[in-house]
């Protein structure tokens, strides 16, 4: 006859505690042991292949360009060689901010004056173009009204706008800024409007259900979704602005990298023209690189 054994709650708790202590590994105690040093993960080997792909191909392309240039100018008496151009560049950049009057200033001053005009014209284009792009993309009536005008005016050459600026403003500097503004505004308008039109309809339907105001729809729904398109338009616009300023300054005169190129051509100084070409390319590359870096930092979660 098997008799049932009953345990009090205290006895049952003691038995469970004893079983738990018995299941612990040897050497384990109830008190917290001192923190053991955590082993560092193994250090990854340096990726030499990635470094090679980043550094070597661009250097090889530049070396190929310089090599072809050197071969073509070995026996030339009019076109400067790479070595002569490099020596003259060292002389120019040894004192880039000299000033001998309004028409004789260092290359550094010319670059800064051009960047100043680009900043003003590009900034005005952003202030006007991005909100206009939002409205065109948001409202079908405005899209139908402005789309033909944009298609008509966008392909116009930058130099065709310059006489209009000279006629209206009666001065070279605001005319150049006007030309930058009118030529760099189109990528911002188009890309922003396309971004707004591609926002999923479900987002806007939810906004209607929640009875959100138009301001909240723009700031909470449209702006985060449109931001990548908008930044693409900004990047394209700054490249256009830098191209336009060189052409505009060639015709307006004054201080600027475009005027400097034209002045050196009048002096038949081809070496300085080549240096200016490289400077224009490097500055444009740096502007685009800066905007691409900014664009990569913005994601939907950041807004």
C-alpha atoms as a PDB file:
ATOM      1  CA  UNK A   1       0.000   0.000   0.000  1.00  0.00           C
ATOM      2  CA  UNK A   2       1.477   3.256  -1.141  1.00  0.00           C
ATOM      3  CA  UNK A   3       0.884   6.114   1.154  1.00  0.00           C
ATOM      4  CA  UNK A   4       0.695   9.646  -0.189  1.00  0.00           C
ATOM      5  CA  UNK A   5       3.249  12.059   1.217  1.00  0.00           C
ATOM      6  CA  UNK A   6       2.102  15.651   1.601  1.00  0.00           C
ATOM      7  CA  UNK A   7       4.531  18.537   1.972  1.00  0.00           C
ATOM      8  CA  UNK A   8       3.899  21.895   3.417  1.00  0.00           C
ATOM      9  CA  UNK A   9       4.499  24.907   1.128  1.00  0.00           C
ATOM     10  CA  UNK A  10       7.683  25.721   3.025  1.00  0.00           C
ATOM     11  CA  UNK A  11       9.028  22.200   2.554  1.00  0.00           C
ATOM     12  CA  UNK A  12       8.182  22.277  -1.159  1.00  0.00           C
ATOM     13  CA  UNK A  13      10.024  25.578  -1.594  1.00  0.00           C
ATOM     14  CA  UNK A  14      13.074  24.186   0.211  1.00  0.00           C
ATOM     15  CA  UNK A  15      13.102  21.090  -2.003  1.00  0.00           C
ATOM     16  CA  UNK A  16      12.863  23.224  -5.193  1.00  0.00           C
ATOM     17  CA  UNK A  17      15.711  25.381  -3.956  1.00  0.00           C
ATOM     18  CA  UNK A  18      17.845  22.311  -3.241  1.00  0.00           C
ATOM     19  CA  UNK A  19      17.183  20.918  -6.737  1.00  0.00           C
ATOM     20  CA  UNK A  20      18.146  24.253  -8.309  1.00  0.00           C
ATOM     21  CA  UNK A  21      21.382  24.387  -6.314  1.00  0.00           C
ATOM     22  CA  UNK A  22      22.204  20.844  -7.365  1.00  0.00           C
ATOM     23  CA  UNK A  23      21.669  21.708 -11.050  1.00  0.00           C
ATOM     24  CA  UNK A  24      24.221  24.565 -10.945  1.00  0.00           C
ATOM     25  CA  UNK A  25      27.657  23.907 -12.408  1.00  0.00           C
ATOM     26  CA  UNK A  26      30.472  23.196 -10.027  1.00  0.00           C
ATOM     27  CA  UNK A  27      32.006  26.244  -8.470  1.00  0.00           C
ATOM     28  CA  UNK A  28      28.919  28.406  -8.959  1.00  0.00           C
ATOM     29  CA  UNK A  29      27.812  30.367  -5.904  1.00  0.00           C
ATOM     30  CA  UNK A  30      24.834  32.512  -5.087  1.00  0.00           C
ATOM     31  CA  UNK A  31      26.860  35.707  -4.998  1.00  0.00           C
ATOM     32  CA  UNK A  32      27.758  37.660  -8.119  1.00  0.00           C
ATOM     33  CA  UNK A  33      31.250  36.882  -9.303  1.00  0.00           C
ATOM     34  CA  UNK A  34      33.609  39.677 -10.302  1.00  0.00           C
ATOM     35  CA  UNK A  35      33.210  40.781 -13.897  1.00  0.00           C
ATOM     36  CA  UNK A  36      35.537  38.884 -16.145  1.00  0.00           C
ATOM     37  CA  UNK A  37      37.374  40.806 -18.909  1.00  0.00           C
ATOM     38  CA  UNK A  38      35.548  40.469 -22.207  1.00  0.00           C
ATOM     39  CA  UNK A  39      37.698  39.192 -25.017  1.00  0.00           C
ATOM     40  CA  UNK A  40      38.001  41.660 -27.865  1.00  0.00           C
ATOM     41  CA  UNK A  41      36.785  40.454 -31.256  1.00  0.00           C
ATOM     42  CA  UNK A  42      39.520  39.547 -33.681  1.00  0.00           C
ATOM     43  CA  UNK A  43      40.739  42.515 -35.672  1.00  0.00           C
ATOM     44  CA  UNK A  44      39.701  42.452 -39.312  1.00  0.00           C
ATOM     45  CA  UNK A  45      42.563  42.505 -41.795  1.00  0.00           C
ATOM     46  CA  UNK A  46      43.003  45.706 -43.764  1.00  0.00           C
ATOM     47  CA  UNK A  47      41.201  45.592 -47.105  1.00  0.00           C
ATOM     48  CA  UNK A  48      44.001  46.396 -49.520  1.00  0.00           C
ATOM     49  CA  UNK A  49      41.852  45.524 -52.514  1.00  0.00           C
ATOM     50  CA  UNK A  50      39.263  48.171 -51.642  1.00  0.00           C
ATOM     51  CA  UNK A  51      42.014  50.756 -51.190  1.00  0.00           C
ATOM     52  CA  UNK A  52      43.477  49.754 -54.544  1.00  0.00           C
ATOM     53  CA  UNK A  53      40.127  50.189 -56.318  1.00  0.00           C
ATOM     54  CA  UNK A  54      39.576  53.601 -54.725  1.00  0.00           C
ATOM     55  CA  UNK A  55      43.030  55.066 -55.334  1.00  0.00           C
ATOM     56  CA  UNK A  56      44.651  53.422 -58.316  1.00  0.00           C
ATOM     57  CA  UNK A  57      42.001  53.739 -61.090  1.00  0.00           C
ATOM     58  CA  UNK A  58      41.575  57.541 -60.677  1.00  0.00           C
ATOM     59  CA  UNK A  59      45.331  58.029 -60.583  1.00  0.00           C
ATOM     60  CA  UNK A  60      45.692  55.844 -63.662  1.00  0.00           C
ATOM     61  CA  UNK A  61      43.104  57.947 -65.502  1.00  0.00           C
ATOM     62  CA  UNK A  62      44.861  61.193 -64.591  1.00  0.00           C
ATOM     63  CA  UNK A  63      48.223  59.717 -65.565  1.00  0.00           C
ATOM     64  CA  UNK A  64      46.795  58.628 -68.934  1.00  0.00           C
ATOM     65  CA  UNK A  65      45.441  62.137 -69.565  1.00  0.00           C
ATOM     66  CA  UNK A  66      48.757  63.771 -68.678  1.00  0.00           C
ATOM     67  CA  UNK A  67      50.644  61.222 -70.773  1.00  0.00           C
ATOM     68  CA  UNK A  68      48.521  61.855 -73.870  1.00  0.00           C
ATOM     69  CA  UNK A  69      48.823  65.597 -73.298  1.00  0.00           C
ATOM     70  CA  UNK A  70      52.604  65.316 -73.028  1.00  0.00           C
ATOM     71  CA  UNK A  71      52.869  63.238 -76.206  1.00  0.00           C
ATOM     72  CA  UNK A  72      50.749  65.687 -78.202  1.00  0.00           C
ATOM     73  CA  UNK A  73      52.747  68.726 -77.070  1.00  0.00           C
ATOM     74  CA  UNK A  74      56.299  67.406 -77.401  1.00  0.00           C
ATOM     75  CA  UNK A  75      57.007  69.443 -80.521  1.00  0.00           C
ATOM     76  CA  UNK A  76      54.344  72.111 -80.077  1.00  0.00           C
ATOM     77  CA  UNK A  77      55.412  75.727 -79.784  1.00  0.00           C
ATOM     78  CA  UNK A  78      51.943  77.157 -79.085  1.00  0.00           C
ATOM     79  CA  UNK A  79      50.336  74.666 -76.717  1.00  0.00           C
ATOM     80  CA  UNK A  80      52.009  74.338 -73.271  1.00  0.00           C
ATOM     81  CA  UNK A  81      53.273  71.023 -71.962  1.00  0.00           C
ATOM     82  CA  UNK A  82      52.061  69.512 -68.653  1.00  0.00           C
ATOM     83  CA  UNK A  83      55.352  70.416 -66.973  1.00  0.00           C
ATOM     84  CA  UNK A  84      55.180  74.058 -68.070  1.00  0.00           C
ATOM     85  CA  UNK A  85      51.560  74.256 -66.930  1.00  0.00           C
ATOM     86  CA  UNK A  86      52.434  72.780 -63.545  1.00  0.00           C
ATOM     87  CA  UNK A  87      55.289  75.246 -63.023  1.00  0.00           C
ATOM     88  CA  UNK A  88      53.020  78.182 -63.868  1.00  0.00           C
ATOM     89  CA  UNK A  89      50.334  76.830 -61.515  1.00  0.00           C
ATOM     90  CA  UNK A  90      52.853  76.779 -58.675  1.00  0.00           C
ATOM     91  CA  UNK A  91      53.613  80.441 -59.372  1.00  0.00           C
ATOM     92  CA  UNK A  92      49.909  81.391 -59.477  1.00  0.00           C
ATOM     93  CA  UNK A  93      49.003  79.606 -56.264  1.00  0.00           C
ATOM     94  CA  UNK A  94      52.032  80.929 -54.406  1.00  0.00           C
ATOM     95  CA  UNK A  95      50.154  84.243 -54.121  1.00  0.00           C
ATOM     96  CA  UNK A  96      46.490  83.662 -55.061  1.00  0.00           C
ATOM     97  CA  UNK A  97      45.111  86.722 -53.246  1.00  0.00           C
ATOM     98  CA  UNK A  98      47.174  89.584 -54.599  1.00  0.00           C
ATOM     99  CA  UNK A  99      45.329  92.707 -55.762  1.00  0.00           C
ATOM    100  CA  UNK A 100      46.723  95.244 -58.227  1.00  0.00           C
ATOM    101  CA  UNK A 101      43.466  96.966 -59.066  1.00  0.00           C
ATOM    102  CA  UNK A 102      39.946  95.894 -60.079  1.00  0.00           C
ATOM    103  CA  UNK A 103      41.105  94.156 -63.271  1.00  0.00           C
ATOM    104  CA  UNK A 104      44.264  92.519 -61.919  1.00  0.00           C
ATOM    105  CA  UNK A 105      43.575  90.251 -58.961  1.00  0.00           C
ATOM    106  CA  UNK A 106      44.806  86.842 -57.911  1.00  0.00           C
ATOM    107  CA  UNK A 107      43.173  83.588 -58.916  1.00  0.00           C
ATOM    108  CA  UNK A 108      41.892  83.071 -55.381  1.00  0.00           C
ATOM    109  CA  UNK A 109      39.876  86.308 -55.479  1.00  0.00           C
ATOM    110  CA  UNK A 110      38.392  85.338 -58.842  1.00  0.00           C
ATOM    111  CA  UNK A 111      37.256  81.975 -57.501  1.00  0.00           C
ATOM    112  CA  UNK A 112      35.733  83.541 -54.381  1.00  0.00           C
ATOM    113  CA  UNK A 113      33.817  86.170 -56.362  1.00  0.00           C
ATOM    114  CA  UNK A 114      32.417  83.484 -58.660  1.00  0.00           C
ATOM    115  CA  UNK A 115      31.397  81.332 -55.698  1.00  0.00           C
ATOM    116  CA  UNK A 116      29.695  84.329 -54.125  1.00  0.00           C
ATOM    117  CA  UNK A 117      27.578  84.922 -57.242  1.00  0.00           C
ATOM    118  CA  UNK A 118      26.772  81.211 -57.437  1.00  0.00           C
ATOM    119  CA  UNK A 119      25.717  81.142 -53.777  1.00  0.00           C
ATOM    120  CA  UNK A 120      23.333  84.093 -54.198  1.00  0.00           C
ATOM    121  CA  UNK A 121      21.765  82.900 -57.454  1.00  0.00           C
ATOM    122  CA  UNK A 122      21.577  79.283 -56.309  1.00  0.00           C
ATOM    123  CA  UNK A 123      20.111  80.294 -52.946  1.00  0.00           C
ATOM    124  CA  UNK A 124      17.384  82.365 -54.587  1.00  0.00           C
ATOM    125  CA  UNK A 125      16.595  79.469 -56.917  1.00  0.00           C
ATOM    126  CA  UNK A 126      16.247  77.111 -53.939  1.00  0.00           C
ATOM    127  CA  UNK A 127      13.999  79.524 -52.032  1.00  0.00           C
ATOM    128  CA  UNK A 128      11.674  79.884 -55.025  1.00  0.00           C
ATOM    129  CA  UNK A 129      12.046  76.549 -56.798  1.00  0.00           C
ATOM    130  CA  UNK A 130      11.527  74.053 -53.968  1.00  0.00           C
ATOM    131  CA  UNK A 131       8.210  75.527 -52.671  1.00  0.00           C
ATOM    132  CA  UNK A 132       7.008  75.946 -56.257  1.00  0.00           C
ATOM    133  CA  UNK A 133       7.864  72.309 -56.952  1.00  0.00           C
ATOM    134  CA  UNK A 134       5.847  71.251 -53.895  1.00  0.00           C
ATOM    135  CA  UNK A 135       2.814  73.212 -55.094  1.00  0.00           C
ATOM    136  CA  UNK A 136       3.077  71.938 -58.677  1.00  0.00           C
ATOM    137  CA  UNK A 137       3.305  68.354 -57.482  1.00  0.00           C
ATOM    138  CA  UNK A 138       0.538  68.773 -54.907  1.00  0.00           C
ATOM    139  CA  UNK A 139      -2.128  70.478 -56.989  1.00  0.00           C
ATOM    140  CA  UNK A 140      -3.106  69.161 -60.422  1.00  0.00           C
ATOM    141  CA  UNK A 141      -4.301  72.558 -61.616  1.00  0.00           C
ATOM    142  CA  UNK A 142      -0.884  74.127 -60.981  1.00  0.00           C
ATOM    143  CA  UNK A 143       0.824  71.141 -62.592  1.00  0.00           C
ATOM    144  CA  UNK A 144      -1.188  71.581 -65.777  1.00  0.00           C
ATOM    145  CA  UNK A 145      -0.571  75.317 -65.738  1.00  0.00           C
ATOM    146  CA  UNK A 146       3.195  75.328 -65.158  1.00  0.00           C
ATOM    147  CA  UNK A 147       4.296  72.165 -66.990  1.00  0.00           C
ATOM    148  CA  UNK A 148       4.107  73.723 -70.504  1.00  0.00           C
ATOM    149  CA  UNK A 149       5.990  76.813 -69.294  1.00  0.00           C
ATOM    150  CA  UNK A 150       8.753  74.726 -67.733  1.00  0.00           C
ATOM    151  CA  UNK A 151       9.067  72.583 -70.858  1.00  0.00           C
ATOM    152  CA  UNK A 152       9.325  75.749 -72.948  1.00  0.00           C
ATOM    153  CA  UNK A 153      11.835  77.687 -70.819  1.00  0.00           C
ATOM    154  CA  UNK A 154      14.081  74.940 -69.452  1.00  0.00           C
ATOM    155  CA  UNK A 155      16.004  74.205 -72.705  1.00  0.00           C
ATOM    156  CA  UNK A 156      16.864  77.888 -73.271  1.00  0.00           C
ATOM    157  CA  UNK A 157      20.617  78.499 -73.301  1.00  0.00           C
ATOM    158  CA  UNK A 158      22.009  80.345 -70.261  1.00  0.00           C
ATOM    159  CA  UNK A 159      23.562  83.011 -72.467  1.00  0.00           C
ATOM    160  CA  UNK A 160      20.139  83.837 -73.886  1.00  0.00           C
ATOM    161  CA  UNK A 161      19.005  84.966 -70.434  1.00  0.00           C
ATOM    162  CA  UNK A 162      21.994  87.235 -69.857  1.00  0.00           C
ATOM    163  CA  UNK A 163      20.863  90.121 -72.124  1.00  0.00           C
ATOM    164  CA  UNK A 164      17.502  90.134 -70.326  1.00  0.00           C
ATOM    165  CA  UNK A 165      19.329  90.543 -67.013  1.00  0.00           C
ATOM    166  CA  UNK A 166      21.495  93.357 -68.380  1.00  0.00           C
ATOM    167  CA  UNK A 167      18.414  95.115 -69.730  1.00  0.00           C
ATOM    168  CA  UNK A 168      16.470  94.853 -66.472  1.00  0.00           C
ATOM    169  CA  UNK A 169      19.214  95.377 -63.875  1.00  0.00           C
ATOM    170  CA  UNK A 170      21.528  97.722 -65.824  1.00  0.00           C
ATOM    171  CA  UNK A 171      24.576  96.127 -64.165  1.00  0.00           C
ATOM    172  CA  UNK A 172      26.767  93.096 -64.799  1.00  0.00           C
ATOM    173  CA  UNK A 173      26.794  91.537 -61.328  1.00  0.00           C
ATOM    174  CA  UNK A 174      23.005  91.250 -60.813  1.00  0.00           C
ATOM    175  CA  UNK A 175      22.660  90.148 -64.439  1.00  0.00           C
ATOM    176  CA  UNK A 176      25.045  87.247 -63.791  1.00  0.00           C
ATOM    177  CA  UNK A 177      23.154  86.319 -60.604  1.00  0.00           C
ATOM    178  CA  UNK A 178      19.863  86.462 -62.537  1.00  0.00           C
ATOM    179  CA  UNK A 179      21.278  84.097 -65.155  1.00  0.00           C
ATOM    180  CA  UNK A 180      22.350  81.619 -62.460  1.00  0.00           C
ATOM    181  CA  UNK A 181      18.938  81.845 -60.821  1.00  0.00           C
ATOM    182  CA  UNK A 182      16.878  81.229 -63.936  1.00  0.00           C
ATOM    183  CA  UNK A 183      19.057  78.349 -65.146  1.00  0.00           C
ATOM    184  CA  UNK A 184      19.419  76.495 -61.835  1.00  0.00           C
ATOM    185  CA  UNK A 185      15.787  76.701 -60.744  1.00  0.00           C
ATOM    186  CA  UNK A 186      14.428  74.108 -63.177  1.00  0.00           C
ATOM    187  CA  UNK A 187      16.046  70.929 -61.739  1.00  0.00           C
ATOM    188  CA  UNK A 188      14.757  71.869 -58.270  1.00  0.00           C
ATOM    189  CA  UNK A 189      11.194  72.443 -59.496  1.00  0.00           C
ATOM    190  CA  UNK A 190      11.061  69.306 -61.634  1.00  0.00           C
ATOM    191  CA  UNK A 191      12.619  66.892 -59.123  1.00  0.00           C
ATOM    192  CA  UNK A 192      10.580  68.215 -56.200  1.00  0.00           C
ATOM    193  CA  UNK A 193       7.326  68.031 -58.179  1.00  0.00           C
ATOM    194  CA  UNK A 194       8.092  64.480 -59.340  1.00  0.00           C
ATOM    195  CA  UNK A 195       8.844  63.463 -55.749  1.00  0.00           C
ATOM    196  CA  UNK A 196       5.513  64.849 -54.528  1.00  0.00           C
ATOM    197  CA  UNK A 197       3.603  63.085 -57.303  1.00  0.00           C
ATOM    198  CA  UNK A 198       5.218  59.751 -56.413  1.00  0.00           C
ATOM    199  CA  UNK A 199       4.188  59.810 -52.766  1.00  0.00           C
ATOM    200  CA  UNK A 200       1.939  56.741 -52.209  1.00  0.00           C
ATOM    201  CA  UNK A 201      -1.754  57.614 -52.200  1.00  0.00           C
ATOM    202  CA  UNK A 202      -2.218  55.621 -48.964  1.00  0.00           C
ATOM    203  CA  UNK A 203      -0.183  58.222 -47.085  1.00  0.00           C
ATOM    204  CA  UNK A 204      -2.473  61.020 -48.206  1.00  0.00           C
ATOM    205  CA  UNK A 205      -5.580  58.941 -47.522  1.00  0.00           C
ATOM    206  CA  UNK A 206      -4.455  58.434 -43.939  1.00  0.00           C
ATOM    207  CA  UNK A 207      -3.916  62.192 -43.658  1.00  0.00           C
ATOM    208  CA  UNK A 208      -7.498  62.787 -44.806  1.00  0.00           C
ATOM    209  CA  UNK A 209      -8.833  60.280 -42.303  1.00  0.00           C
ATOM    210  CA  UNK A 210      -6.900  61.977 -39.508  1.00  0.00           C
ATOM    211  CA  UNK A 211      -8.071  65.366 -40.795  1.00  0.00           C
ATOM    212  CA  UNK A 212      -4.519  66.750 -40.868  1.00  0.00           C
ATOM    213  CA  UNK A 213      -3.954  70.328 -41.930  1.00  0.00           C
ATOM    214  CA  UNK A 214      -2.156  71.077 -45.178  1.00  0.00           C
ATOM    215  CA  UNK A 215       0.897  72.250 -43.223  1.00  0.00           C
ATOM    216  CA  UNK A 216       1.120  68.935 -41.354  1.00  0.00           C
ATOM    217  CA  UNK A 217       0.632  66.993 -44.577  1.00  0.00           C
ATOM    218  CA  UNK A 218       3.602  68.835 -46.090  1.00  0.00           C
ATOM    219  CA  UNK A 219       5.894  68.666 -43.036  1.00  0.00           C
ATOM    220  CA  UNK A 220       5.010  65.189 -41.730  1.00  0.00           C
ATOM    221  CA  UNK A 221       4.238  63.244 -44.921  1.00  0.00           C
ATOM    222  CA  UNK A 222       5.399  64.967 -48.095  1.00  0.00           C
ATOM    223  CA  UNK A 223       8.703  66.452 -46.952  1.00  0.00           C
ATOM    224  CA  UNK A 224      10.241  63.188 -45.623  1.00  0.00           C
ATOM    225  CA  UNK A 225       9.144  61.295 -48.733  1.00  0.00           C
ATOM    226  CA  UNK A 226      10.235  63.987 -51.193  1.00  0.00           C
ATOM    227  CA  UNK A 227      13.590  64.778 -49.555  1.00  0.00           C
ATOM    228  CA  UNK A 228      15.693  62.388 -51.724  1.00  0.00           C
ATOM    229  CA  UNK A 229      14.190  63.826 -54.915  1.00  0.00           C
ATOM    230  CA  UNK A 230      14.670  67.364 -53.651  1.00  0.00           C
ATOM    231  CA  UNK A 231      18.343  66.792 -52.816  1.00  0.00           C
ATOM    232  CA  UNK A 232      18.914  65.301 -56.258  1.00  0.00           C
ATOM    233  CA  UNK A 233      17.485  68.469 -57.788  1.00  0.00           C
ATOM    234  CA  UNK A 234      19.719  70.595 -55.572  1.00  0.00           C
ATOM    235  CA  UNK A 235      22.803  68.633 -56.623  1.00  0.00           C
ATOM    236  CA  UNK A 236      21.964  69.023 -60.319  1.00  0.00           C
ATOM    237  CA  UNK A 237      21.234  72.710 -59.849  1.00  0.00           C
ATOM    238  CA  UNK A 238      24.548  73.551 -58.231  1.00  0.00           C
ATOM    239  CA  UNK A 239      26.388  71.927 -61.125  1.00  0.00           C
ATOM    240  CA  UNK A 240      24.330  73.975 -63.566  1.00  0.00           C
ATOM    241  CA  UNK A 241      24.975  77.158 -61.583  1.00  0.00           C
ATOM    242  CA  UNK A 242      28.741  76.638 -61.649  1.00  0.00           C
ATOM    243  CA  UNK A 243      28.660  76.036 -65.410  1.00  0.00           C
ATOM    244  CA  UNK A 244      26.557  79.128 -66.032  1.00  0.00           C
ATOM    245  CA  UNK A 245      28.672  81.530 -63.994  1.00  0.00           C
ATOM    246  CA  UNK A 246      31.758  80.860 -66.098  1.00  0.00           C
ATOM    247  CA  UNK A 247      29.913  81.647 -69.327  1.00  0.00           C
ATOM    248  CA  UNK A 248      28.141  84.678 -67.829  1.00  0.00           C
ATOM    249  CA  UNK A 249      31.346  86.211 -66.456  1.00  0.00           C
ATOM    250  CA  UNK A 250      33.049  85.917 -69.816  1.00  0.00           C
ATOM    251  CA  UNK A 251      30.525  88.387 -71.192  1.00  0.00           C
ATOM    252  CA  UNK A 252      29.924  90.626 -68.173  1.00  0.00           C
ATOM    253  CA  UNK A 253      33.526  91.232 -67.105  1.00  0.00           C
ATOM    254  CA  UNK A 254      34.656  92.217 -63.626  1.00  0.00           C
ATOM    255  CA  UNK A 255      36.245  89.814 -61.174  1.00  0.00           C
ATOM    256  CA  UNK A 256      35.484  86.105 -61.506  1.00  0.00           C
ATOM    257  CA  UNK A 257      36.930  82.889 -62.859  1.00  0.00           C
ATOM    258  CA  UNK A 258      35.044  83.251 -66.156  1.00  0.00           C
ATOM    259  CA  UNK A 259      36.287  86.787 -66.703  1.00  0.00           C
ATOM    260  CA  UNK A 260      39.796  85.647 -65.780  1.00  0.00           C
ATOM    261  CA  UNK A 261      39.691  82.960 -68.493  1.00  0.00           C
ATOM    262  CA  UNK A 262      38.525  85.463 -71.082  1.00  0.00           C
ATOM    263  CA  UNK A 263      41.123  88.025 -70.017  1.00  0.00           C
ATOM    264  CA  UNK A 264      43.908  85.443 -70.300  1.00  0.00           C
ATOM    265  CA  UNK A 265      42.674  84.535 -73.773  1.00  0.00           C
ATOM    266  CA  UNK A 266      42.921  88.187 -74.779  1.00  0.00           C
ATOM    267  CA  UNK A 267      46.495  88.073 -73.503  1.00  0.00           C
ATOM    268  CA  UNK A 268      47.087  84.815 -75.442  1.00  0.00           C
ATOM    269  CA  UNK A 269      48.148  83.101 -72.197  1.00  0.00           C
ATOM    270  CA  UNK A 270      47.054  79.549 -72.930  1.00  0.00           C
ATOM    271  CA  UNK A 271      48.859  78.186 -69.864  1.00  0.00           C
ATOM    272  CA  UNK A 272      46.636  80.200 -67.536  1.00  0.00           C
ATOM    273  CA  UNK A 273      43.540  79.062 -69.451  1.00  0.00           C
ATOM    274  CA  UNK A 274      44.485  75.425 -68.891  1.00  0.00           C
ATOM    275  CA  UNK A 275      45.037  76.108 -65.201  1.00  0.00           C
ATOM    276  CA  UNK A 276      41.621  77.767 -65.022  1.00  0.00           C
ATOM    277  CA  UNK A 277      40.005  74.725 -66.675  1.00  0.00           C
ATOM    278  CA  UNK A 278      41.446  72.435 -64.010  1.00  0.00           C
ATOM    279  CA  UNK A 279      40.423  74.846 -61.238  1.00  0.00           C
ATOM    280  CA  UNK A 280      36.856  75.071 -62.564  1.00  0.00           C
ATOM    281  CA  UNK A 281      36.626  71.284 -62.726  1.00  0.00           C
ATOM    282  CA  UNK A 282      38.029  70.792 -59.212  1.00  0.00           C
ATOM    283  CA  UNK A 283      35.718  73.403 -57.653  1.00  0.00           C
ATOM    284  CA  UNK A 284      32.696  71.902 -59.408  1.00  0.00           C
ATOM    285  CA  UNK A 285      33.711  68.439 -58.214  1.00  0.00           C
ATOM    286  CA  UNK A 286      34.056  69.664 -54.626  1.00  0.00           C
ATOM    287  CA  UNK A 287      30.639  71.355 -54.729  1.00  0.00           C
ATOM    288  CA  UNK A 288      28.961  68.194 -55.990  1.00  0.00           C
ATOM    289  CA  UNK A 289      30.859  66.021 -53.494  1.00  0.00           C
ATOM    290  CA  UNK A 290      29.730  68.262 -50.637  1.00  0.00           C
ATOM    291  CA  UNK A 291      26.077  68.041 -51.662  1.00  0.00           C
ATOM    292  CA  UNK A 292      26.277  64.276 -52.163  1.00  0.00           C
ATOM    293  CA  UNK A 293      27.752  63.940 -48.663  1.00  0.00           C
ATOM    294  CA  UNK A 294      24.907  66.025 -47.238  1.00  0.00           C
ATOM    295  CA  UNK A 295      22.320  63.982 -49.135  1.00  0.00           C
ATOM    296  CA  UNK A 296      23.690  60.714 -47.748  1.00  0.00           C
ATOM    297  CA  UNK A 297      23.259  61.989 -44.195  1.00  0.00           C
ATOM    298  CA  UNK A 298      19.530  62.564 -44.655  1.00  0.00           C
ATOM    299  CA  UNK A 299      17.192  59.604 -44.539  1.00  0.00           C
ATOM    300  CA  UNK A 300      13.524  59.216 -43.793  1.00  0.00           C
ATOM    301  CA  UNK A 301      14.292  58.532 -40.137  1.00  0.00           C
ATOM    302  CA  UNK A 302      16.247  61.758 -39.773  1.00  0.00           C
ATOM    303  CA  UNK A 303      13.278  63.987 -40.593  1.00  0.00           C
END
